PDB file of N, CA and C in Angstrom:
ATOM      1  N   MET A   1    -279.657  83.225-109.040  1.00  0.00           N
ATOM      2  CA  MET A   1    -280.845  83.987-108.120  1.00  0.00           C
ATOM      3  C   MET A   1    -280.668  85.245-107.822  1.00  0.00           C
ATOM      4  N   ASN A   2    -281.438  85.798-107.275  1.00  0.00           N
ATOM      5  CA  ASN A   2    -281.979  86.851-106.610  1.00  0.00           C
ATOM      6  C   ASN A   2    -281.544  86.666-104.775  1.00  0.00           C
ATOM      7  N   PRO A   3    -280.559  87.640-104.035  1.00  0.00           N
ATOM      8  CA  PRO A   3    -280.422  87.116-102.869  1.00  0.00           C
ATOM      9  C   PRO A   3    -281.818  87.002-101.945  1.00  0.00           C
ATOM     10  N   ALA A   4    -282.589  87.591-102.130  1.00  0.00           N
ATOM     11  CA  ALA A   4    -283.742  88.089-101.446  1.00  0.00           C
ATOM     12  C   ALA A   4    -284.597  86.659-101.201  1.00  0.00           C
ATOM     13  N   ILE A   5    -284.135  86.131-102.519  1.00  0.00           N
ATOM     14  CA  ILE A   5    -285.076  84.583-102.275  1.00  0.00           C
ATOM     15  C   ILE A   5    -284.132  83.791-101.199  1.00  0.00           C
ATOM     16  N   TYR A   6    -282.931  83.614-100.971  1.00  0.00           N
ATOM     17  CA  TYR A   6    -281.756  82.659-100.661  1.00  0.00           C
ATOM     18  C   TYR A   6    -282.439  83.307 -99.094  1.00  0.00           C
ATOM     19  N   VAL A   7    -282.179  84.346 -99.018  1.00  0.00           N
ATOM     20  CA  VAL A   7    -282.716  84.821 -97.563  1.00  0.00           C
ATOM     21  C   VAL A   7    -284.277  84.224 -97.032  1.00  0.00           C
ATOM     22  N   ALA A   8    -285.091  84.541 -97.967  1.00  0.00           N
ATOM     23  CA  ALA A   8    -286.630  84.143 -97.441  1.00  0.00           C
ATOM     24  C   ALA A   8    -286.791  82.598 -97.488  1.00  0.00           C
ATOM     25  N   ILE A   9    -285.511  81.553 -97.847  1.00  0.00           N
ATOM     26  CA  ILE A   9    -285.492  80.644 -97.708  1.00  0.00           C
ATOM     27  C   ILE A   9    -285.157  79.933 -96.598  1.00  0.00           C
ATOM     28  N   PHE A  10    -283.435  80.316 -96.711  1.00  0.00           N
ATOM     29  CA  PHE A  10    -282.753  79.796 -95.551  1.00  0.00           C
ATOM     30  C   PHE A  10    -282.570  80.472 -94.105  1.00  0.00           C
ATOM     31  N   LEU A  11    -283.451  81.657 -93.862  1.00  0.00           N
ATOM     32  CA  LEU A  11    -283.686  82.527 -92.566  1.00  0.00           C
ATOM     33  C   LEU A  11    -284.671  81.581 -92.095  1.00  0.00           C
ATOM     34  N   PRO A  12    -285.662  81.172 -92.508  1.00  0.00           N
ATOM     35  CA  PRO A  12    -286.646  80.528 -91.224  1.00  0.00           C
ATOM     36  C   PRO A  12    -286.447  79.092 -91.051  1.00  0.00           C
ATOM     37  N   LEU A  13    -285.342  78.897 -92.299  1.00  0.00           N
ATOM     38  CA  LEU A  13    -284.385  77.432 -91.926  1.00  0.00           C
ATOM     39  C   LEU A  13    -283.771  77.587 -90.605  1.00  0.00           C
ATOM     40  N   PHE A  14    -283.008  78.300 -90.485  1.00  0.00           N
ATOM     41  CA  PHE A  14    -281.672  78.499 -89.817  1.00  0.00           C
ATOM     42  C   PHE A  14    -282.666  78.864 -88.168  1.00  0.00           C
ATOM     43  N   MET A  15    -283.839  79.529 -88.055  1.00  0.00           N
ATOM     44  CA  MET A  15    -284.700  79.805 -86.925  1.00  0.00           C
ATOM     45  C   MET A  15    -285.141  78.718 -86.333  1.00  0.00           C
ATOM     46  N   ALA A  16    -285.569  77.598 -87.271  1.00  0.00           N
ATOM     47  CA  ALA A  16    -286.239  76.817 -86.499  1.00  0.00           C
ATOM     48  C   ALA A  16    -285.239  75.911 -86.187  1.00  0.00           C
ATOM     49  N   LEU A  17    -284.191  75.858 -86.900  1.00  0.00           N
ATOM     50  CA  LEU A  17    -283.094  74.784 -86.320  1.00  0.00           C
ATOM     51  C   LEU A  17    -282.758  75.162 -84.785  1.00  0.00           C
ATOM     52  N   PHE A  18    -282.449  76.662 -85.022  1.00  0.00           N
ATOM     53  CA  PHE A  18    -281.633  77.172 -83.462  1.00  0.00           C
ATOM     54  C   PHE A  18    -282.857  77.584 -82.416  1.00  0.00           C
ATOM     55  N   SER A  19    -284.384  77.288 -82.788  1.00  0.00           N
ATOM     56  CA  SER A  19    -284.929  77.456 -81.646  1.00  0.00           C
ATOM     57  C   SER A  19    -285.046  75.502 -81.287  1.00  0.00           C
ATOM     58  N   GLN A  20    -285.251  74.746 -82.079  1.00  0.00           N
ATOM     59  CA  GLN A  20    -284.981  73.227 -81.811  1.00  0.00           C
ATOM     60  C   GLN A  20    -283.956  72.599 -80.967  1.00  0.00           C
ATOM     61  N   SER A  21    -282.486  73.838 -80.917  1.00  0.00           N
ATOM     62  CA  SER A  21    -281.654  73.659 -80.120  1.00  0.00           C
ATOM     63  C   SER A  21    -281.644  73.856 -78.623  1.00  0.00           C
ATOM     64  N   GLN A  22    -282.413  74.974 -78.595  1.00  0.00           N
ATOM     65  CA  GLN A  22    -282.505  75.929 -77.672  1.00  0.00           C
ATOM     66  C   GLN A  22    -283.515  74.903 -76.676  1.00  0.00           C
ATOM     67  N   ASN A  23    -284.320  74.419 -77.280  1.00  0.00           N
ATOM     68  CA  ASN A  23    -285.329  73.667 -76.779  1.00  0.00           C
ATOM     69  C   ASN A  23    -284.706  72.594 -75.968  1.00  0.00           C
ATOM     70  N   LYS A  24    -283.967  71.620 -76.460  1.00  0.00           N
ATOM     71  CA  LYS A  24    -283.254  70.385 -76.099  1.00  0.00           C
ATOM     72  C   LYS A  24    -282.166  70.668 -75.062  1.00  0.00           C
ATOM     73  N   LYS A  25    -282.339  72.081 -75.257  1.00  0.00           N
ATOM     74  CA  LYS A  25    -281.113  72.599 -73.488  1.00  0.00           C
ATOM     75  C   LYS A  25    -282.054  72.106 -72.474  1.00  0.00           C
ATOM     76  N   LEU A  26    -283.291  72.933 -72.682  1.00  0.00           N
ATOM     77  CA  LEU A  26    -283.868  73.357 -71.622  1.00  0.00           C
ATOM     78  C   LEU A  26    -284.825  72.225 -71.463  1.00  0.00           C
ATOM     79  N   ALA A  27    -284.904  71.237 -72.082  1.00  0.00           N
ATOM     80  CA  ALA A  27    -285.369  70.101 -71.994  1.00  0.00           C
ATOM     81  C   ALA A  27    -284.739  69.186 -71.015  1.00  0.00           C
ATOM     82  N   SER A  28    -283.203  68.828 -71.316  1.00  0.00           N
ATOM     83  CA  SER A  28    -282.012  68.364 -70.743  1.00  0.00           C
ATOM     84  C   SER A  28    -282.183  68.936 -69.121  1.00  0.00           C
ATOM     85  N   ILE A  29    -282.222  70.132 -68.965  1.00  0.00           N
ATOM     86  CA  ILE A  29    -282.364  70.284 -67.451  1.00  0.00           C
ATOM     87  C   ILE A  29    -283.535  70.097 -66.618  1.00  0.00           C
ATOM     88  N   HIS A  30    -284.434  70.408 -67.706  1.00  0.00           N
ATOM     89  CA  HIS A  30    -285.727  69.588 -66.693  1.00  0.00           C
ATOM     90  C   HIS A  30    -285.454  68.567 -66.656  1.00  0.00           C
ATOM     91  N   LYS A  31    -285.084  67.408 -67.116  1.00  0.00           N
ATOM     92  CA  LYS A  31    -284.792  65.615 -67.260  1.00  0.00           C
ATOM     93  C   LYS A  31    -284.186  65.580 -65.843  1.00  0.00           C
ATOM     94  N   MET A  32    -282.791  67.024 -65.925  1.00  0.00           N
ATOM     95  CA  MET A  32    -281.752  66.796 -64.843  1.00  0.00           C
ATOM     96  C   MET A  32    -282.017  67.030 -63.378  1.00  0.00           C
ATOM     97  N   ARG A  33    -283.708  68.244 -63.161  1.00  0.00           N
ATOM     98  CA  ARG A  33    -283.955  68.548 -62.118  1.00  0.00           C
ATOM     99  C   ARG A  33    -285.198  67.051 -61.420  1.00  0.00           C
ATOM    100  N   ARG A  34    -285.878  66.460 -62.386  1.00  0.00           N
ATOM    101  CA  ARG A  34    -286.066  65.557 -61.937  1.00  0.00           C
ATOM    102  C   ARG A  34    -285.717  64.327 -61.520  1.00  0.00           C
ATOM    103  N   LYS A  35    -284.613  63.851 -62.075  1.00  0.00           N
ATOM    104  CA  LYS A  35    -283.761  62.776 -61.911  1.00  0.00           C
ATOM    105  C   LYS A  35    -283.188  63.247 -60.631  1.00  0.00           C
ATOM    106  N   ASN A  36    -282.834  64.538 -59.556  1.00  0.00           N
ATOM    107  CA  ASN A  36    -282.023  64.931 -58.515  1.00  0.00           C
ATOM    108  C   ASN A  36    -282.936  65.908 -57.823  1.00  0.00           C
ATOM    109  N   PRO A  37    -284.060  64.866 -56.702  1.00  0.00           N
ATOM    110  CA  PRO A  37    -284.584  65.508 -55.536  1.00  0.00           C
ATOM    111  C   PRO A  37    -284.329  66.266 -54.828  1.00  0.00           C
ATOM    112  N   LYS A  38    -282.985  66.458 -54.810  1.00  0.00           N
ATOM    113  CA  LYS A  38    -282.018  67.377 -53.524  1.00  0.00           C
ATOM    114  C   LYS A  38    -282.039  68.826 -54.206  1.00  0.00           C
ATOM    115  N   GLU A  39    -281.890  68.472 -55.677  1.00  0.00           N
ATOM    116  CA  GLU A  39    -282.338  70.112 -56.332  1.00  0.00           C
ATOM    117  C   GLU A  39    -283.394  70.835 -56.249  1.00  0.00           C
ATOM    118  N   ARG A  40    -284.303  69.321 -56.799  1.00  0.00           N
ATOM    119  CA  ARG A  40    -285.906  70.276 -56.576  1.00  0.00           C
ATOM    120  C   ARG A  40    -286.072  70.829 -55.370  1.00  0.00           C
ATOM    121  N   GLY A  41    -285.885  70.240 -54.078  1.00  0.00           N
ATOM    122  CA  GLY A  41    -286.076  70.320 -52.932  1.00  0.00           C
ATOM    123  C   GLY A  41    -285.510  71.568 -52.262  1.00  0.00           C
ATOM    124  N   GLN A  42    -284.174  71.923 -52.958  1.00  0.00           N
ATOM    125  CA  GLN A  42    -283.843  73.511 -52.794  1.00  0.00           C
ATOM    126  C   GLN A  42    -284.278  74.516 -53.553  1.00  0.00           C
ATOM    127  N   MET A  43    -284.943  74.330 -54.954  1.00  0.00           N
ATOM    128  CA  MET A  43    -286.002  75.625 -55.245  1.00  0.00           C
ATOM    129  C   MET A  43    -287.011  75.895 -54.653  1.00  0.00           C
ATOM    130  N   ILE A  44    -287.491  74.624 -53.941  1.00  0.00           N
ATOM    131  CA  ILE A  44    -288.912  74.775 -53.157  1.00  0.00           C
ATOM    132  C   ILE A  44    -288.276  76.084 -51.895  1.00  0.00           C
ATOM    133  N   GLU A  45    -287.622  75.812 -51.455  1.00  0.00           N
ATOM    134  CA  GLU A  45    -287.116  76.100 -50.394  1.00  0.00           C
ATOM    135  C   GLU A  45    -286.843  77.478 -50.703  1.00  0.00           C
ATOM    136  N   LEU A  46    -286.195  77.509 -51.367  1.00  0.00           N
ATOM    137  CA  LEU A  46    -285.892  79.019 -52.061  1.00  0.00           C
ATOM    138  C   LEU A  46    -286.934  79.932 -52.238  1.00  0.00           C
ATOM    139  N   ALA A  47    -287.747  79.166 -53.056  1.00  0.00           N
ATOM    140  CA  ALA A  47    -289.281  79.940 -53.687  1.00  0.00           C
ATOM    141  C   ALA A  47    -289.927  80.337 -52.448  1.00  0.00           C
ATOM    142  N   ARG A  48    -289.873  79.191 -51.128  1.00  0.00           N
ATOM    143  CA  ARG A  48    -290.482  79.762 -49.854  1.00  0.00           C
ATOM    144  C   ARG A  48    -290.245  81.221 -49.391  1.00  0.00           C
ATOM    145  N   ARG A  49    -288.690  81.710 -49.541  1.00  0.00           N
ATOM    146  CA  ARG A  49    -288.627  82.720 -48.541  1.00  0.00           C
ATOM    147  C   ARG A  49    -289.108  84.191 -49.640  1.00  0.00           C
ATOM    148  N   PHE A  50    -289.762  83.906 -50.739  1.00  0.00           N
ATOM    149  CA  PHE A  50    -290.475  85.107 -51.511  1.00  0.00           C
ATOM    150  C   PHE A  50    -291.971  85.073 -51.467  1.00  0.00           C
ATOM    151  N   VAL A  51    -292.523  84.237 -50.416  1.00  0.00           N
ATOM    152  CA  VAL A  51    -293.631  83.975 -50.477  1.00  0.00           C
ATOM    153  C   VAL A  51    -294.470  85.616 -49.754  1.00  0.00           C
ATOM    154  N   GLY A  52    -295.068  86.161 -50.585  1.00  0.00           N
ATOM    155  CA  GLY A  52    -295.931  87.668 -50.286  1.00  0.00           C
ATOM    156  C   GLY A  52    -295.075  88.554 -51.030  1.00  0.00           C
ATOM    157  N   ARG A  53    -294.346  88.288 -51.512  1.00  0.00           N
ATOM    158  CA  ARG A  53    -293.343  89.596 -52.407  1.00  0.00           C
ATOM    159  C   ARG A  53    -293.420  89.409 -53.492  1.00  0.00           C
ATOM    160  N   LYS A  54    -293.527  90.577 -54.459  1.00  0.00           N
ATOM    161  CA  LYS A  54    -293.725  90.542 -55.941  1.00  0.00           C
ATOM    162  C   LYS A  54    -292.717  90.051 -56.562  1.00  0.00           C
ATOM    163  N   CYS A  55    -292.452  89.106 -57.609  1.00  0.00           N
ATOM    164  CA  CYS A  55    -291.509  88.701 -58.065  1.00  0.00           C
ATOM    165  C   CYS A  55    -291.444  88.306 -59.756  1.00  0.00           C
ATOM    166  N   TYR A  56    -290.216  88.116 -60.184  1.00  0.00           N
ATOM    167  CA  TYR A  56    -290.745  87.731 -61.603  1.00  0.00           C
ATOM    168  C   TYR A  56    -289.827  86.322 -61.582  1.00  0.00           C
ATOM    169  N   ILE A  57    -290.641  85.119 -62.388  1.00  0.00           N
ATOM    170  CA  ILE A  57    -290.680  83.980 -62.145  1.00  0.00           C
ATOM    171  C   ILE A  57    -290.304  83.361 -63.331  1.00  0.00           C
ATOM    172  N   TYR A  58    -288.968  82.996 -63.947  1.00  0.00           N
ATOM    173  CA  TYR A  58    -288.632  82.255 -65.179  1.00  0.00           C
ATOM    174  C   TYR A  58    -288.684  80.932 -65.178  1.00  0.00           C
ATOM    175  N   THR A  59    -289.648  80.510 -66.291  1.00  0.00           N
ATOM    176  CA  THR A  59    -289.546  79.088 -66.390  1.00  0.00           C
ATOM    177  C   THR A  59    -288.856  78.573 -67.924  1.00  0.00           C
ATOM    178  N   ILE A  60    -289.035  77.373 -67.866  1.00  0.00           N
ATOM    179  CA  ILE A  60    -288.138  77.126 -69.104  1.00  0.00           C
ATOM    180  C   ILE A  60    -288.557  78.346 -70.651  1.00  0.00           C
ATOM    181  N   ASN A  61    -289.936  78.137 -70.717  1.00  0.00           N
ATOM    182  CA  ASN A  61    -290.096  78.808 -72.225  1.00  0.00           C
ATOM    183  C   ASN A  61    -290.878  80.049 -71.713  1.00  0.00           C
ATOM    184  N   SER A  62    -290.926  80.733 -70.639  1.00  0.00           N
ATOM    185  CA  SER A  62    -292.054  81.718 -70.406  1.00  0.00           C
ATOM    186  C   SER A  62    -291.672  82.638 -68.823  1.00  0.00           C
ATOM    187  N   GLN A  63    -292.454  83.666 -68.305  1.00  0.00           N
ATOM    188  CA  GLN A  63    -291.895  84.657 -67.691  1.00  0.00           C
ATOM    189  C   GLN A  63    -293.181  85.276 -66.896  1.00  0.00           C
ATOM    190  N   LEU A  64    -293.064  85.389 -65.638  1.00  0.00           N
ATOM    191  CA  LEU A  64    -294.059  85.641 -65.028  1.00  0.00           C
ATOM    192  C   LEU A  64    -294.164  86.559 -64.099  1.00  0.00           C
ATOM    193  N   ASN A  65    -295.034  87.450 -63.847  1.00  0.00           N
ATOM    194  CA  ASN A  65    -294.492  88.702 -62.808  1.00  0.00           C
ATOM    195  C   ASN A  65    -295.839  88.576 -61.783  1.00  0.00           C
ATOM    196  N   GLY A  66    -295.653  88.477 -60.194  1.00  0.00           N
ATOM    197  CA  GLY A  66    -296.465  88.280 -59.857  1.00  0.00           C
ATOM    198  C   GLY A  66    -296.385  88.470 -58.444  1.00  0.00           C
ATOM    199  N   THR A  67    -297.245  88.200 -57.447  1.00  0.00           N
ATOM    200  CA  THR A  67    -297.182  88.074 -56.149  1.00  0.00           C
ATOM    201  C   THR A  67    -297.333  86.531 -55.560  1.00  0.00           C
ATOM    202  N   ILE A  68    -295.973  85.966 -55.217  1.00  0.00           N
ATOM    203  CA  ILE A  68    -295.973  84.705 -54.741  1.00  0.00           C
ATOM    204  C   ILE A  68    -297.297  84.600 -53.509  1.00  0.00           C
ATOM    205  N   LYS A  69    -298.101  83.797 -53.478  1.00  0.00           N
ATOM    206  CA  LYS A  69    -299.031  83.702 -52.478  1.00  0.00           C
ATOM    207  C   LYS A  69    -298.774  82.051 -51.442  1.00  0.00           C
ATOM    208  N   GLU A  70    -298.172  81.045 -52.445  1.00  0.00           N
ATOM    209  CA  GLU A  70    -298.462  79.754 -51.943  1.00  0.00           C
ATOM    210  C   GLU A  70    -297.209  79.421 -52.944  1.00  0.00           C
ATOM    211  N   VAL A  71    -296.178  78.296 -51.836  1.00  0.00           N
ATOM    212  CA  VAL A  71    -295.343  77.170 -52.449  1.00  0.00           C
ATOM    213  C   VAL A  71    -295.715  76.072 -51.487  1.00  0.00           C
ATOM    214  N   SER A  72    -295.959  75.028 -52.763  1.00  0.00           N
ATOM    215  CA  SER A  72    -295.988  73.472 -52.468  1.00  0.00           C
ATOM    216  C   SER A  72    -295.195  72.657 -53.074  1.00  0.00           C
ATOM    217  N   GLU A  73    -295.184  71.012 -52.363  1.00  0.00           N
ATOM    218  CA  GLU A  73    -294.658  70.596 -53.435  1.00  0.00           C
ATOM    219  C   GLU A  73    -293.812  70.130 -54.373  1.00  0.00           C
ATOM    220  N   SER A  74    -295.485  70.373 -55.358  1.00  0.00           N
ATOM    221  CA  SER A  74    -295.317  70.393 -56.541  1.00  0.00           C
ATOM    222  C   SER A  74    -295.741  71.680 -57.650  1.00  0.00           C
ATOM    223  N   GLY A  75    -295.465  72.553 -57.089  1.00  0.00           N
ATOM    224  CA  GLY A  75    -296.140  73.700 -57.792  1.00  0.00           C
ATOM    225  C   GLY A  75    -296.097  75.120 -56.564  1.00  0.00           C
ATOM    226  N   ILE A  76    -296.129  76.711 -57.506  1.00  0.00           N
ATOM    227  CA  ILE A  76    -295.768  77.575 -56.877  1.00  0.00           C
ATOM    228  C   ILE A  76    -297.070  78.713 -57.090  1.00  0.00           C
ATOM    229  N   LEU A  77    -297.833  78.908 -56.432  1.00  0.00           N
ATOM    230  CA  LEU A  77    -299.283  79.873 -56.708  1.00  0.00           C
ATOM    231  C   LEU A  77    -298.829  81.167 -56.684  1.00  0.00           C
ATOM    232  N   VAL A  78    -298.980  82.037 -58.276  1.00  0.00           N
ATOM    233  CA  VAL A  78    -298.786  83.070 -58.527  1.00  0.00           C
ATOM    234  C   VAL A  78    -300.130  84.101 -58.491  1.00  0.00           C
ATOM    235  N   GLU A  79    -300.170  85.040 -57.838  1.00  0.00           N
ATOM    236  CA  GLU A  79    -301.132  85.978 -58.430  1.00  0.00           C
ATOM    237  C   GLU A  79    -301.031  86.841 -59.231  1.00  0.00           C
ATOM    238  N   THR A  80    -300.887  87.186 -60.187  1.00  0.00           N
ATOM    239  CA  THR A  80    -300.949  88.300 -61.423  1.00  0.00           C
ATOM    240  C   THR A  80    -302.024  89.038 -61.729  1.00  0.00           C
ATOM    241  N   GLY A  81    -302.404  90.153 -61.333  1.00  0.00           N
ATOM    242  CA  GLY A  81    -303.374  90.882 -61.641  1.00  0.00           C
ATOM    243  C   GLY A  81    -304.464  90.324 -60.722  1.00  0.00           C
ATOM    244  N   LYS A  82    -305.734  89.836 -61.001  1.00  0.00           N
ATOM    245  CA  LYS A  82    -307.024  89.252 -61.027  1.00  0.00           C
ATOM    246  C   LYS A  82    -306.742  87.836 -61.263  1.00  0.00           C
ATOM    247  N   VAL A  83    -305.899  87.167 -61.616  1.00  0.00           N
ATOM    248  CA  VAL A  83    -305.577  85.960 -61.841  1.00  0.00           C
ATOM    249  C   VAL A  83    -304.495  85.032 -61.263  1.00  0.00           C
ATOM    250  N   GLU A  84    -304.882  84.110 -60.725  1.00  0.00           N
ATOM    251  CA  GLU A  84    -303.945  82.843 -60.173  1.00  0.00           C
ATOM    252  C   GLU A  84    -303.655  82.257 -60.686  1.00  0.00           C
ATOM    253  N   GLU A  85    -302.544  82.113 -60.923  1.00  0.00           N
ATOM    254  CA  GLU A  85    -301.489  80.956 -61.860  1.00  0.00           C
ATOM    255  C   GLU A  85    -300.730  79.956 -60.759  1.00  0.00           C
ATOM    256  N   VAL A  86    -300.609  78.503 -61.332  1.00  0.00           N
ATOM    257  CA  VAL A  86    -300.089  77.988 -60.860  1.00  0.00           C
ATOM    258  C   VAL A  86    -298.765  77.524 -61.840  1.00  0.00           C
ATOM    259  N   VAL A  87    -297.700  77.317 -60.699  1.00  0.00           N
ATOM    260  CA  VAL A  87    -296.510  77.257 -62.009  1.00  0.00           C
ATOM    261  C   VAL A  87    -295.709  75.916 -61.208  1.00  0.00           C
ATOM    262  N   ASN A  88    -295.471  75.053 -62.309  1.00  0.00           N
ATOM    263  CA  ASN A  88    -294.675  73.679 -61.679  1.00  0.00           C
ATOM    264  C   ASN A  88    -293.732  74.047 -61.564  1.00  0.00           C
ATOM    265  N   VAL A  89    -292.725  73.256 -60.127  1.00  0.00           N
ATOM    266  CA  VAL A  89    -291.533  73.905 -59.764  1.00  0.00           C
ATOM    267  C   VAL A  89    -290.223  72.916 -60.403  1.00  0.00           C
ATOM    268  N   ASP A  90    -290.696  71.876 -61.527  1.00  0.00           N
ATOM    269  CA  ASP A  90    -290.026  71.163 -61.977  1.00  0.00           C
ATOM    270  C   ASP A  90    -289.160  72.374 -63.299  1.00  0.00           C
ATOM    271  N   TYR A  91    -290.026  73.152 -63.623  1.00  0.00           N
ATOM    272  CA  TYR A  91    -289.805  74.194 -64.617  1.00  0.00           C
ATOM    273  C   TYR A  91    -289.194  74.959 -64.249  1.00  0.00           C
ATOM    274  N   VAL A  92    -289.734  75.709 -63.109  1.00  0.00           N
ATOM    275  CA  VAL A  92    -289.016  77.307 -62.452  1.00  0.00           C
ATOM    276  C   VAL A  92    -287.083  77.275 -62.696  1.00  0.00           C
ATOM    277  N   ILE A  93    -286.713  78.208 -63.014  1.00  0.00           N
ATOM    278  CA  ILE A  93    -285.298  78.264 -63.614  1.00  0.00           C
ATOM    279  C   ILE A  93    -284.919  79.498 -62.500  1.00  0.00           C
ATOM    280  N   ARG A  94    -285.335  80.204 -62.801  1.00  0.00           N
ATOM    281  CA  ARG A  94    -284.849  81.507 -61.694  1.00  0.00           C
ATOM    282  C   ARG A  94    -286.224  82.369 -61.157  1.00  0.00           C
ATOM    283  N   ILE A  95    -286.062  82.707 -60.068  1.00  0.00           N
ATOM    284  CA  ILE A  95    -286.951  83.814 -59.516  1.00  0.00           C
ATOM    285  C   ILE A  95    -286.231  85.215 -59.080  1.00  0.00           C
ATOM    286  N   ARG A  96    -286.607  86.163 -59.312  1.00  0.00           N
ATOM    287  CA  ARG A  96    -286.231  87.486 -58.930  1.00  0.00           C
ATOM    288  C   ARG A  96    -287.093  88.127 -58.383  1.00  0.00           C
ATOM    289  N   GLU A  97    -286.721  88.657 -57.349  1.00  0.00           N
ATOM    290  CA  GLU A  97    -287.848  89.916 -56.793  1.00  0.00           C
ATOM    291  C   GLU A  97    -287.990  91.449 -57.679  1.00  0.00           C
ATOM    292  N   ILE A  98    -289.056  91.682 -57.370  1.00  0.00           N
ATOM    293  CA  ILE A  98    -289.222  93.005 -57.939  1.00  0.00           C
ATOM    294  C   ILE A  98    -289.238  94.140 -57.170  1.00  0.00           C
ATOM    295  N   TYR A  99    -288.251  94.967 -57.150  1.00  0.00           N
ATOM    296  CA  TYR A  99    -288.142  96.266 -56.009  1.00  0.00           C
ATOM    297  C   TYR A  99    -288.940  97.302 -56.777  1.00  0.00           C
ATOM    298  N   GLY A 100    -289.034  98.373 -55.763  1.00  0.00           N
ATOM    299  CA  GLY A 100    -290.049  99.386 -56.007  1.00  0.00           C
ATOM    300  C   GLY A 100    -289.469 100.540 -56.966  1.00  0.00           C
ATOM    301  N   LYS A 101    -289.547 101.932 -56.916  1.00  0.00           N
ATOM    302  CA  LYS A 101    -288.665 102.223 -57.226  1.00  0.00           C
ATOM    303  C   LYS A 101    -288.191 103.130 -56.289  1.00  0.00           C
ATOM    304  N   LYS A 102    -286.964 103.403 -56.297  1.00  0.00           N
ATOM    305  CA  LYS A 102    -285.648 103.928 -55.572  1.00  0.00           C
ATOM    306  C   LYS A 102    -285.820 104.821 -55.464  1.00  0.00           C
ATOM    307  N   ASN A 103    -285.749 106.345 -54.278  1.00  0.00           N
ATOM    308  CA  ASN A 103    -285.817 107.519 -54.318  1.00  0.00           C
ATOM    309  C   ASN A 103    -284.326 108.253 -54.837  1.00  0.00           C
ATOM    310  N   LYS A 104    -284.593 109.500 -55.496  1.00  0.00           N
ATOM    311  CA  LYS A 104    -283.056 109.785 -55.500  1.00  0.00           C
ATOM    312  C   LYS A 104    -282.882 110.978 -54.932  1.00  0.00           C
TER     313      LYS A 104
END
């Protein structure tokens, strides 16, 4: 058989299996955070440090960038342009501040 046929058949299967393993790892992180309220509380306290700052917010399966307006016990209110979005604290993995251009 033609090698292109093997690639066309097995590459999508490999990609599907790889993405499922990634989702399982991320789901286990989410379950662990829900079981451990101390870790959840730490994320809330750390997110409160970034209120009013423009940040990247990394979640289990996406990324937001915008200004953090408010942090509550259940979510983070983020203003992205003209839209406000709420992110569940249980799904937040990382928050990173966006710095402006540096003068050279």
